[in-house]
Amino acid sequence: MSAPERTAGAGPLTALGLFSVLPVPAGARNPGPGVLRWLPVVGLVLGALACLPGLAVWRGAGEGSPLLAAALVVTALALLTRGLHLDATADLADGLGSGRPAEQALAIMRRPEVGAFAVAAVACTLLVQVAATATVLGQATPAEGVLAVVLATVTGRTAVLHAAARPAAPGSSLGVLVTGSGSPVARWAATAVLLAAAVAARLTVGGTTAEAMWSAAAVVVALLGAALLARHAARRLGGVNGDVFGAVVETASTATLVVLAAGVTWT
């Protein structure tokens, strides 16, 4: 066994170091098989941290600006992840939008240039995220607002566990990340825990049964939407890669917020 293999890690610190800007010990920077399974934990941490700047300008109950708070939350998430998932969304949009065969589409995704599809995808994603978050915060207490953001970030990363069950695209370097992440038991256990936590947490912070069901619906709709994206991307590209993963995170997170915003409107 080589030195890199001996020191490879697959714990939460390794996942935080790989998928965020948060500092971790040097020994936790070498990802090993199964590191993706900790992505929901990364989402929990990042969602909670991203809410801090928003709470500086919004306190719930009509105090402060929910729109400014939403913009700060979305900005904080982009900074905490180095814009990793937004960049992946842009690359995937250019690749799929090109309509080219898999090999050419993958080559387009690797280019540093940003095309029209990328600009539109990122702009729309950020716009919808801010608008949906502002809608939720406009009717929420601080606890409810934080819960909504955390639910979105955890759901986005749980969706990656399902996408990781697909084969890697040609030329993808995510082999070590995919290995050990495709266990059906682990995927569906994480999903079940997420659904139960979404309902229980909503009730705990004072939500009604109807509001708790909207939280569960947000998780289901987001995971389904992300699964459709991953399926389409895998069919077009011959498998999944890091760009697909990043786009899945943004898609599922955005869908979660949109359904939660719909719940505010209809309950």
C-alpha atoms as a PDB file:
ATOM      1  CA  MET A   1       0.000   0.000   0.000  1.00  0.00           C
ATOM      2  CA  SER A   2       1.420   3.392  -0.999  1.00  0.00           C
ATOM      3  CA  ALA A   3       1.755   6.415   1.252  1.00  0.00           C
ATOM      4  CA  PRO A   4      -1.109   8.321  -0.401  1.00  0.00           C
ATOM      5  CA  GLU A   5      -3.387   5.334   0.058  1.00  0.00           C
ATOM      6  CA  ARG A   6      -2.448   5.048   3.718  1.00  0.00           C
ATOM      7  CA  THR A   7      -3.203   8.704   4.408  1.00  0.00           C
ATOM      8  CA  ALA A   8      -6.353   9.006   2.274  1.00  0.00           C
ATOM      9  CA  GLY A   9      -9.359  10.057   4.318  1.00  0.00           C
ATOM     10  CA  ALA A  10     -13.105   9.752   3.904  1.00  0.00           C
ATOM     11  CA  GLY A  11     -14.405  11.536   6.991  1.00  0.00           C
ATOM     12  CA  PRO A  12     -16.335  14.776   7.492  1.00  0.00           C
ATOM     13  CA  LEU A  13     -13.192  16.905   7.791  1.00  0.00           C
ATOM     14  CA  THR A  14     -11.946  15.603   4.458  1.00  0.00           C
ATOM     15  CA  ALA A  15     -15.306  16.414   2.867  1.00  0.00           C
ATOM     16  CA  LEU A  16     -15.266  19.922   4.356  1.00  0.00           C
ATOM     17  CA  GLY A  17     -11.763  20.521   3.066  1.00  0.00           C
ATOM     18  CA  LEU A  18     -12.674  19.285  -0.388  1.00  0.00           C
ATOM     19  CA  PHE A  19     -16.041  20.988  -0.855  1.00  0.00           C
ATOM     20  CA  SER A  20     -15.654  24.232   1.098  1.00  0.00           C
ATOM     21  CA  VAL A  21     -13.151  26.936   2.023  1.00  0.00           C
ATOM     22  CA  LEU A  22     -13.247  25.932   5.694  1.00  0.00           C
ATOM     23  CA  PRO A  23      -9.796  25.148   7.102  1.00  0.00           C
ATOM     24  CA  VAL A  24      -9.069  21.533   7.986  1.00  0.00           C
ATOM     25  CA  PRO A  25      -5.911  19.760   9.204  1.00  0.00           C
ATOM     26  CA  ALA A  26      -3.389  19.002   6.484  1.00  0.00           C
ATOM     27  CA  GLY A  27      -3.848  15.287   7.072  1.00  0.00           C
ATOM     28  CA  ALA A  28      -7.522  15.562   6.107  1.00  0.00           C
ATOM     29  CA  ARG A  29      -6.886  17.065   2.671  1.00  0.00           C
ATOM     30  CA  ASN A  30      -6.309  13.782   0.831  1.00  0.00           C
ATOM     31  CA  PRO A  31      -9.744  12.384  -0.142  1.00  0.00           C
ATOM     32  CA  GLY A  32     -10.293   8.655  -0.016  1.00  0.00           C
ATOM     33  CA  PRO A  33     -13.064   6.302  -1.155  1.00  0.00           C
ATOM     34  CA  GLY A  34     -16.487   7.142   0.202  1.00  0.00           C
ATOM     35  CA  VAL A  35     -15.847  10.821   0.951  1.00  0.00           C
ATOM     36  CA  LEU A  36     -19.039  11.806  -0.884  1.00  0.00           C
ATOM     37  CA  ARG A  37     -21.176  10.146   1.769  1.00  0.00           C
ATOM     38  CA  TRP A  38     -20.327  13.057   4.072  1.00  0.00           C
ATOM     39  CA  LEU A  39     -21.714  15.661   1.695  1.00  0.00           C
ATOM     40  CA  PRO A  40     -25.015  16.064   3.622  1.00  0.00           C
ATOM     41  CA  VAL A  41     -22.977  16.959   6.715  1.00  0.00           C
ATOM     42  CA  VAL A  42     -21.083  19.536   4.653  1.00  0.00           C
ATOM     43  CA  GLY A  43     -24.436  20.958   3.588  1.00  0.00           C
ATOM     44  CA  LEU A  44     -25.573  21.214   7.193  1.00  0.00           C
ATOM     45  CA  VAL A  45     -22.464  23.138   8.226  1.00  0.00           C
ATOM     46  CA  LEU A  46     -22.446  25.439   5.207  1.00  0.00           C
ATOM     47  CA  GLY A  47     -26.165  26.193   5.452  1.00  0.00           C
ATOM     48  CA  ALA A  48     -25.862  27.200   9.094  1.00  0.00           C
ATOM     49  CA  LEU A  49     -22.798  29.377   8.478  1.00  0.00           C
ATOM     50  CA  ALA A  50     -24.359  31.065   5.439  1.00  0.00           C
ATOM     51  CA  CYS A  51     -27.267  32.255   7.577  1.00  0.00           C
ATOM     52  CA  LEU A  52     -25.048  34.335   9.874  1.00  0.00           C
ATOM     53  CA  PRO A  53     -24.675  37.400   7.610  1.00  0.00           C
ATOM     54  CA  GLY A  54     -28.396  37.260   6.839  1.00  0.00           C
ATOM     55  CA  LEU A  55     -29.258  37.384  10.534  1.00  0.00           C
ATOM     56  CA  ALA A  56     -27.315  40.648  10.789  1.00  0.00           C
ATOM     57  CA  VAL A  57     -29.914  42.443   8.649  1.00  0.00           C
ATOM     58  CA  TRP A  58     -33.045  40.392   9.321  1.00  0.00           C
ATOM     59  CA  ARG A  59     -34.619  39.200  12.555  1.00  0.00           C
ATOM     60  CA  GLY A  60     -37.961  37.829  11.424  1.00  0.00           C
ATOM     61  CA  ALA A  61     -41.394  39.097  12.415  1.00  0.00           C
ATOM     62  CA  GLY A  62     -41.122  41.964   9.942  1.00  0.00           C
ATOM     63  CA  GLU A  63     -37.846  43.262  11.357  1.00  0.00           C
ATOM     64  CA  GLY A  64     -35.109  44.018   8.839  1.00  0.00           C
ATOM     65  CA  SER A  65     -34.886  43.173   5.153  1.00  0.00           C
ATOM     66  CA  PRO A  66     -35.625  39.583   4.055  1.00  0.00           C
ATOM     67  CA  LEU A  67     -34.499  40.432   0.508  1.00  0.00           C
ATOM     68  CA  LEU A  68     -31.095  41.698   1.617  1.00  0.00           C
ATOM     69  CA  ALA A  69     -30.772  38.756   3.999  1.00  0.00           C
ATOM     70  CA  ALA A  70     -31.529  36.340   1.162  1.00  0.00           C
ATOM     71  CA  ALA A  71     -28.915  37.973  -1.061  1.00  0.00           C
ATOM     72  CA  LEU A  72     -26.333  37.734   1.725  1.00  0.00           C
ATOM     73  CA  VAL A  73     -27.150  34.069   2.372  1.00  0.00           C
ATOM     74  CA  VAL A  74     -26.784  33.136  -1.304  1.00  0.00           C
ATOM     75  CA  THR A  75     -23.566  35.151  -1.559  1.00  0.00           C
ATOM     76  CA  ALA A  76     -22.178  33.509   1.564  1.00  0.00           C
ATOM     77  CA  LEU A  77     -22.880  30.057   0.148  1.00  0.00           C
ATOM     78  CA  ALA A  78     -21.033  30.943  -3.045  1.00  0.00           C
ATOM     79  CA  LEU A  79     -18.047  32.188  -1.061  1.00  0.00           C
ATOM     80  CA  LEU A  80     -18.018  29.216   1.308  1.00  0.00           C
ATOM     81  CA  THR A  81     -17.866  26.812  -1.644  1.00  0.00           C
ATOM     82  CA  ARG A  82     -15.452  28.901  -3.776  1.00  0.00           C
ATOM     83  CA  GLY A  83     -18.243  29.113  -6.334  1.00  0.00           C
ATOM     84  CA  LEU A  84     -17.499  25.464  -7.089  1.00  0.00           C
ATOM     85  CA  HIS A  85     -21.067  24.391  -7.778  1.00  0.00           C
ATOM     86  CA  LEU A  86     -21.978  27.524  -9.712  1.00  0.00           C
ATOM     87  CA  ASP A  87     -18.936  27.028 -11.923  1.00  0.00           C
ATOM     88  CA  ALA A  88     -19.991  23.421 -12.481  1.00  0.00           C
ATOM     89  CA  THR A  89     -23.503  24.559 -13.364  1.00  0.00           C
ATOM     90  CA  ALA A  90     -22.058  26.952 -15.929  1.00  0.00           C
ATOM     91  CA  ASP A  91     -19.846  24.265 -17.472  1.00  0.00           C
ATOM     92  CA  LEU A  92     -22.660  21.734 -17.692  1.00  0.00           C
ATOM     93  CA  ALA A  93     -25.019  24.289 -19.233  1.00  0.00           C
ATOM     94  CA  ASP A  94     -22.485  25.060 -21.957  1.00  0.00           C
ATOM     95  CA  GLY A  95     -21.791  21.389 -22.588  1.00  0.00           C
ATOM     96  CA  LEU A  96     -25.395  20.248 -22.770  1.00  0.00           C
ATOM     97  CA  GLY A  97     -26.538  23.422 -24.496  1.00  0.00           C
ATOM     98  CA  SER A  98     -24.063  22.910 -27.296  1.00  0.00           C
ATOM     99  CA  GLY A  99     -26.000  19.922 -28.580  1.00  0.00           C
ATOM    100  CA  ARG A 100     -22.698  18.279 -29.528  1.00  0.00           C
ATOM    101  CA  PRO A 101     -21.831  14.568 -29.136  1.00  0.00           C
ATOM    102  CA  ALA A 102     -20.507  13.465 -25.740  1.00  0.00           C
ATOM    103  CA  GLU A 103     -16.801  13.814 -26.500  1.00  0.00           C
ATOM    104  CA  GLN A 104     -17.185  17.318 -27.915  1.00  0.00           C
ATOM    105  CA  ALA A 105     -19.570  18.393 -25.147  1.00  0.00           C
ATOM    106  CA  LEU A 106     -17.060  17.262 -22.509  1.00  0.00           C
ATOM    107  CA  ALA A 107     -14.317  19.194 -24.299  1.00  0.00           C
ATOM    108  CA  ILE A 108     -16.485  22.320 -24.209  1.00  0.00           C
ATOM    109  CA  MET A 109     -17.049  21.829 -20.477  1.00  0.00           C
ATOM    110  CA  ARG A 110     -13.293  21.736 -19.882  1.00  0.00           C
ATOM    111  CA  ARG A 111     -12.660  25.027 -21.648  1.00  0.00           C
ATOM    112  CA  PRO A 112     -12.084  28.149 -19.507  1.00  0.00           C
ATOM    113  CA  GLU A 113     -14.369  30.274 -21.689  1.00  0.00           C
ATOM    114  CA  VAL A 114     -17.901  31.039 -20.503  1.00  0.00           C
ATOM    115  CA  GLY A 115     -20.686  30.763 -23.057  1.00  0.00           C
ATOM    116  CA  ALA A 116     -24.192  32.169 -23.276  1.00  0.00           C
ATOM    117  CA  PHE A 117     -25.754  29.027 -21.801  1.00  0.00           C
ATOM    118  CA  ALA A 118     -23.458  29.272 -18.781  1.00  0.00           C
ATOM    119  CA  VAL A 119     -24.278  32.919 -18.131  1.00  0.00           C
ATOM    120  CA  ALA A 120     -28.007  32.273 -18.402  1.00  0.00           C
ATOM    121  CA  ALA A 121     -27.861  29.204 -16.144  1.00  0.00           C
ATOM    122  CA  VAL A 122     -25.913  30.911 -13.359  1.00  0.00           C
ATOM    123  CA  ALA A 123     -27.909  34.148 -13.550  1.00  0.00           C
ATOM    124  CA  CYS A 124     -31.235  32.329 -13.394  1.00  0.00           C
ATOM    125  CA  THR A 125     -30.049  30.067 -10.582  1.00  0.00           C
ATOM    126  CA  LEU A 126     -28.941  32.965  -8.395  1.00  0.00           C
ATOM    127  CA  LEU A 127     -32.039  35.023  -9.186  1.00  0.00           C
ATOM    128  CA  VAL A 128     -34.407  32.213  -8.279  1.00  0.00           C
ATOM    129  CA  GLN A 129     -32.459  31.316  -5.148  1.00  0.00           C
ATOM    130  CA  VAL A 130     -32.519  34.891  -3.834  1.00  0.00           C
ATOM    131  CA  ALA A 131     -36.202  35.400  -4.697  1.00  0.00           C
ATOM    132  CA  ALA A 132     -37.293  32.093  -3.176  1.00  0.00           C
ATOM    133  CA  THR A 133     -35.213  32.601  -0.031  1.00  0.00           C
ATOM    134  CA  ALA A 134     -36.587  36.128   0.392  1.00  0.00           C
ATOM    135  CA  THR A 135     -40.139  34.802   0.090  1.00  0.00           C
ATOM    136  CA  VAL A 136     -39.495  32.231   2.800  1.00  0.00           C
ATOM    137  CA  LEU A 137     -37.750  34.695   5.108  1.00  0.00           C
ATOM    138  CA  GLY A 138     -40.514  37.245   4.680  1.00  0.00           C
ATOM    139  CA  GLN A 139     -42.907  34.998   6.628  1.00  0.00           C
ATOM    140  CA  ALA A 140     -40.454  33.140   8.866  1.00  0.00           C
ATOM    141  CA  THR A 141     -39.014  33.396  12.334  1.00  0.00           C
ATOM    142  CA  PRO A 142     -35.206  33.262  12.575  1.00  0.00           C
ATOM    143  CA  ALA A 143     -35.342  29.562  13.459  1.00  0.00           C
ATOM    144  CA  GLU A 144     -37.653  28.814  10.542  1.00  0.00           C
ATOM    145  CA  GLY A 145     -35.451  30.799   8.166  1.00  0.00           C
ATOM    146  CA  VAL A 146     -32.284  29.002   9.188  1.00  0.00           C
ATOM    147  CA  LEU A 147     -34.072  25.661   8.893  1.00  0.00           C
ATOM    148  CA  ALA A 148     -35.191  26.469   5.331  1.00  0.00           C
ATOM    149  CA  VAL A 149     -31.665  27.343   4.212  1.00  0.00           C
ATOM    150  CA  VAL A 150     -30.139  24.305   5.884  1.00  0.00           C
ATOM    151  CA  LEU A 151     -32.800  22.039   4.387  1.00  0.00           C
ATOM    152  CA  ALA A 152     -31.905  23.355   0.925  1.00  0.00           C
ATOM    153  CA  THR A 153     -28.158  22.898   1.349  1.00  0.00           C
ATOM    154  CA  VAL A 154     -28.478  19.396   2.820  1.00  0.00           C
ATOM    155  CA  THR A 155     -30.978  18.285   0.180  1.00  0.00           C
ATOM    156  CA  GLY A 156     -28.724  19.570  -2.593  1.00  0.00           C
ATOM    157  CA  ARG A 157     -25.858  17.457  -1.364  1.00  0.00           C
ATOM    158  CA  THR A 158     -27.980  14.395  -0.630  1.00  0.00           C
ATOM    159  CA  ALA A 159     -28.969  14.491  -4.296  1.00  0.00           C
ATOM    160  CA  VAL A 160     -25.312  13.977  -5.196  1.00  0.00           C
ATOM    161  CA  LEU A 161     -25.322  10.613  -3.406  1.00  0.00           C
ATOM    162  CA  HIS A 162     -27.912   9.402  -5.906  1.00  0.00           C
ATOM    163  CA  ALA A 163     -26.121  10.932  -8.889  1.00  0.00           C
ATOM    164  CA  ALA A 164     -22.888   9.244  -7.779  1.00  0.00           C
ATOM    165  CA  ALA A 165     -24.448   5.839  -8.332  1.00  0.00           C
ATOM    166  CA  ARG A 166     -24.118   6.397 -12.088  1.00  0.00           C
ATOM    167  CA  PRO A 167     -20.957   5.512 -14.038  1.00  0.00           C
ATOM    168  CA  ALA A 168     -18.278   8.179 -14.425  1.00  0.00           C
ATOM    169  CA  ALA A 169     -18.099  10.051 -17.716  1.00  0.00           C
ATOM    170  CA  PRO A 170     -15.096   9.377 -19.972  1.00  0.00           C
ATOM    171  CA  GLY A 171     -12.037  11.253 -18.769  1.00  0.00           C
ATOM    172  CA  SER A 172     -13.592  12.086 -15.389  1.00  0.00           C
ATOM    173  CA  SER A 173     -11.194  12.324 -12.457  1.00  0.00           C
ATOM    174  CA  LEU A 174     -13.805  11.679  -9.786  1.00  0.00           C
ATOM    175  CA  GLY A 175     -13.066   7.947  -9.450  1.00  0.00           C
ATOM    176  CA  VAL A 176     -11.892   8.097  -5.851  1.00  0.00           C
ATOM    177  CA  LEU A 177     -14.922  10.182  -4.895  1.00  0.00           C
ATOM    178  CA  VAL A 178     -17.429   7.860  -6.524  1.00  0.00           C
ATOM    179  CA  THR A 179     -15.950   4.661  -5.139  1.00  0.00           C
ATOM    180  CA  GLY A 180     -17.842   3.618  -2.020  1.00  0.00           C
ATOM    181  CA  SER A 181     -20.577   6.208  -2.544  1.00  0.00           C
ATOM    182  CA  GLY A 182     -22.981   4.123  -4.576  1.00  0.00           C
ATOM    183  CA  SER A 183     -24.376   1.794  -1.919  1.00  0.00           C
ATOM    184  CA  PRO A 184     -28.183   1.775  -2.273  1.00  0.00           C
ATOM    185  CA  VAL A 185     -28.526   1.276   1.471  1.00  0.00           C
ATOM    186  CA  ALA A 186     -26.427   4.370   2.230  1.00  0.00           C
ATOM    187  CA  ARG A 187     -28.237   6.491  -0.361  1.00  0.00           C
ATOM    188  CA  TRP A 188     -31.714   5.625   0.734  1.00  0.00           C
ATOM    189  CA  ALA A 189     -30.875   5.688   4.428  1.00  0.00           C
ATOM    190  CA  ALA A 190     -29.588   9.238   4.012  1.00  0.00           C
ATOM    191  CA  THR A 191     -32.741  10.159   2.113  1.00  0.00           C
ATOM    192  CA  ALA A 192     -35.007   8.658   4.777  1.00  0.00           C
ATOM    193  CA  VAL A 193     -33.152  10.472   7.546  1.00  0.00           C
ATOM    194  CA  LEU A 194     -33.404  13.733   5.602  1.00  0.00           C
ATOM    195  CA  LEU A 195     -37.164  13.366   5.106  1.00  0.00           C
ATOM    196  CA  ALA A 196     -37.768  12.513   8.748  1.00  0.00           C
ATOM    197  CA  ALA A 197     -35.553  15.378   9.914  1.00  0.00           C
ATOM    198  CA  ALA A 198     -37.285  17.832   7.570  1.00  0.00           C
ATOM    199  CA  VAL A 199     -40.676  17.036   9.091  1.00  0.00           C
ATOM    200  CA  ALA A 200     -39.501  16.792  12.695  1.00  0.00           C
ATOM    201  CA  ALA A 201     -37.448  19.985  12.577  1.00  0.00           C
ATOM    202  CA  ARG A 202     -40.312  21.962  11.025  1.00  0.00           C
ATOM    203  CA  LEU A 203     -42.654  20.848  13.786  1.00  0.00           C
ATOM    204  CA  THR A 204     -40.017  21.559  16.429  1.00  0.00           C
ATOM    205  CA  VAL A 205     -39.634  25.204  15.405  1.00  0.00           C
ATOM    206  CA  GLY A 206     -43.391  25.738  15.628  1.00  0.00           C
ATOM    207  CA  GLY A 207     -44.600  24.748  12.190  1.00  0.00           C
ATOM    208  CA  THR A 208     -47.993  23.207  11.497  1.00  0.00           C
ATOM    209  CA  THR A 209     -48.517  19.734  10.091  1.00  0.00           C
ATOM    210  CA  ALA A 210     -49.223  21.275   6.680  1.00  0.00           C
ATOM    211  CA  GLU A 211     -45.962  23.233   6.799  1.00  0.00           C
ATOM    212  CA  ALA A 212     -44.070  20.091   7.784  1.00  0.00           C
ATOM    213  CA  MET A 213     -45.566  18.307   4.773  1.00  0.00           C
ATOM    214  CA  TRP A 214     -44.380  21.143   2.540  1.00  0.00           C
ATOM    215  CA  SER A 215     -40.873  20.589   3.879  1.00  0.00           C
ATOM    216  CA  ALA A 216     -41.093  16.908   3.006  1.00  0.00           C
ATOM    217  CA  ALA A 217     -42.503  17.771  -0.420  1.00  0.00           C
ATOM    218  CA  ALA A 218     -39.595  20.157  -1.008  1.00  0.00           C
ATOM    219  CA  VAL A 219     -37.119  17.334  -0.399  1.00  0.00           C
ATOM    220  CA  VAL A 220     -38.957  14.916  -2.681  1.00  0.00           C
ATOM    221  CA  VAL A 221     -39.405  17.390  -5.536  1.00  0.00           C
ATOM    222  CA  ALA A 222     -35.781  18.533  -5.295  1.00  0.00           C
ATOM    223  CA  LEU A 223     -34.385  14.998  -5.343  1.00  0.00           C
ATOM    224  CA  LEU A 224     -36.588  14.043  -8.281  1.00  0.00           C
ATOM    225  CA  GLY A 225     -35.560  17.128 -10.242  1.00  0.00           C
ATOM    226  CA  ALA A 226     -31.891  16.499  -9.541  1.00  0.00           C
ATOM    227  CA  ALA A 227     -32.269  12.841 -10.531  1.00  0.00           C
ATOM    228  CA  LEU A 228     -33.769  13.853 -13.870  1.00  0.00           C
ATOM    229  CA  LEU A 229     -30.873  16.237 -14.490  1.00  0.00           C
ATOM    230  CA  ALA A 230     -28.309  13.570 -13.598  1.00  0.00           C
ATOM    231  CA  ARG A 231     -30.049  11.044 -15.840  1.00  0.00           C
ATOM    232  CA  HIS A 232     -30.128  13.447 -18.777  1.00  0.00           C
ATOM    233  CA  ALA A 233     -26.502  14.472 -18.278  1.00  0.00           C
ATOM    234  CA  ALA A 234     -25.341  10.868 -17.966  1.00  0.00           C
ATOM    235  CA  ARG A 235     -27.148   9.926 -21.157  1.00  0.00           C
ATOM    236  CA  ARG A 236     -25.688  12.879 -23.069  1.00  0.00           C
ATOM    237  CA  LEU A 237     -22.150  12.661 -21.679  1.00  0.00           C
ATOM    238  CA  GLY A 238     -21.779   8.927 -21.202  1.00  0.00           C
ATOM    239  CA  GLY A 239     -21.738   9.252 -17.407  1.00  0.00           C
ATOM    240  CA  VAL A 240     -21.409  11.791 -14.616  1.00  0.00           C
ATOM    241  CA  ASN A 241     -18.498  13.988 -13.577  1.00  0.00           C
ATOM    242  CA  GLY A 242     -17.720  16.789 -11.152  1.00  0.00           C
ATOM    243  CA  ASP A 243     -19.646  19.331 -13.211  1.00  0.00           C
ATOM    244  CA  VAL A 244     -22.756  17.159 -13.091  1.00  0.00           C
ATOM    245  CA  PHE A 245     -22.380  16.853  -9.327  1.00  0.00           C
ATOM    246  CA  GLY A 246     -22.094  20.610  -8.883  1.00  0.00           C
ATOM    247  CA  ALA A 247     -25.110  21.278 -11.086  1.00  0.00           C
ATOM    248  CA  VAL A 248     -27.084  18.679  -9.135  1.00  0.00           C
ATOM    249  CA  VAL A 249     -26.278  20.511  -5.890  1.00  0.00           C
ATOM    250  CA  GLU A 250     -27.500  23.842  -7.261  1.00  0.00           C
ATOM    251  CA  THR A 251     -30.581  22.340  -8.911  1.00  0.00           C
ATOM    252  CA  ALA A 252     -31.755  20.467  -5.833  1.00  0.00           C
ATOM    253  CA  SER A 253     -30.998  23.376  -3.493  1.00  0.00           C
ATOM    254  CA  THR A 254     -32.910  25.786  -5.724  1.00  0.00           C
ATOM    255  CA  ALA A 255     -35.865  23.433  -6.113  1.00  0.00           C
ATOM    256  CA  THR A 256     -36.063  22.998  -2.332  1.00  0.00           C
ATOM    257  CA  LEU A 257     -36.263  26.754  -1.816  1.00  0.00           C
ATOM    258  CA  VAL A 258     -38.866  27.170  -4.568  1.00  0.00           C
ATOM    259  CA  VAL A 259     -41.173  24.537  -3.058  1.00  0.00           C
ATOM    260  CA  LEU A 260     -40.747  26.052   0.417  1.00  0.00           C
ATOM    261  CA  ALA A 261     -41.650  29.455  -1.075  1.00  0.00           C
ATOM    262  CA  ALA A 262     -44.738  27.878  -2.659  1.00  0.00           C
ATOM    263  CA  GLY A 263     -45.639  26.526   0.752  1.00  0.00           C
ATOM    264  CA  VAL A 264     -45.571  30.068   2.151  1.00  0.00           C
ATOM    265  CA  THR A 265     -48.010  31.106  -0.575  1.00  0.00           C
ATOM    266  CA  TRP A 266     -50.455  28.246  -0.174  1.00  0.00           C
ATOM    267  CA  THR A 267     -50.524  27.619   3.586  1.00  0.00           C
END
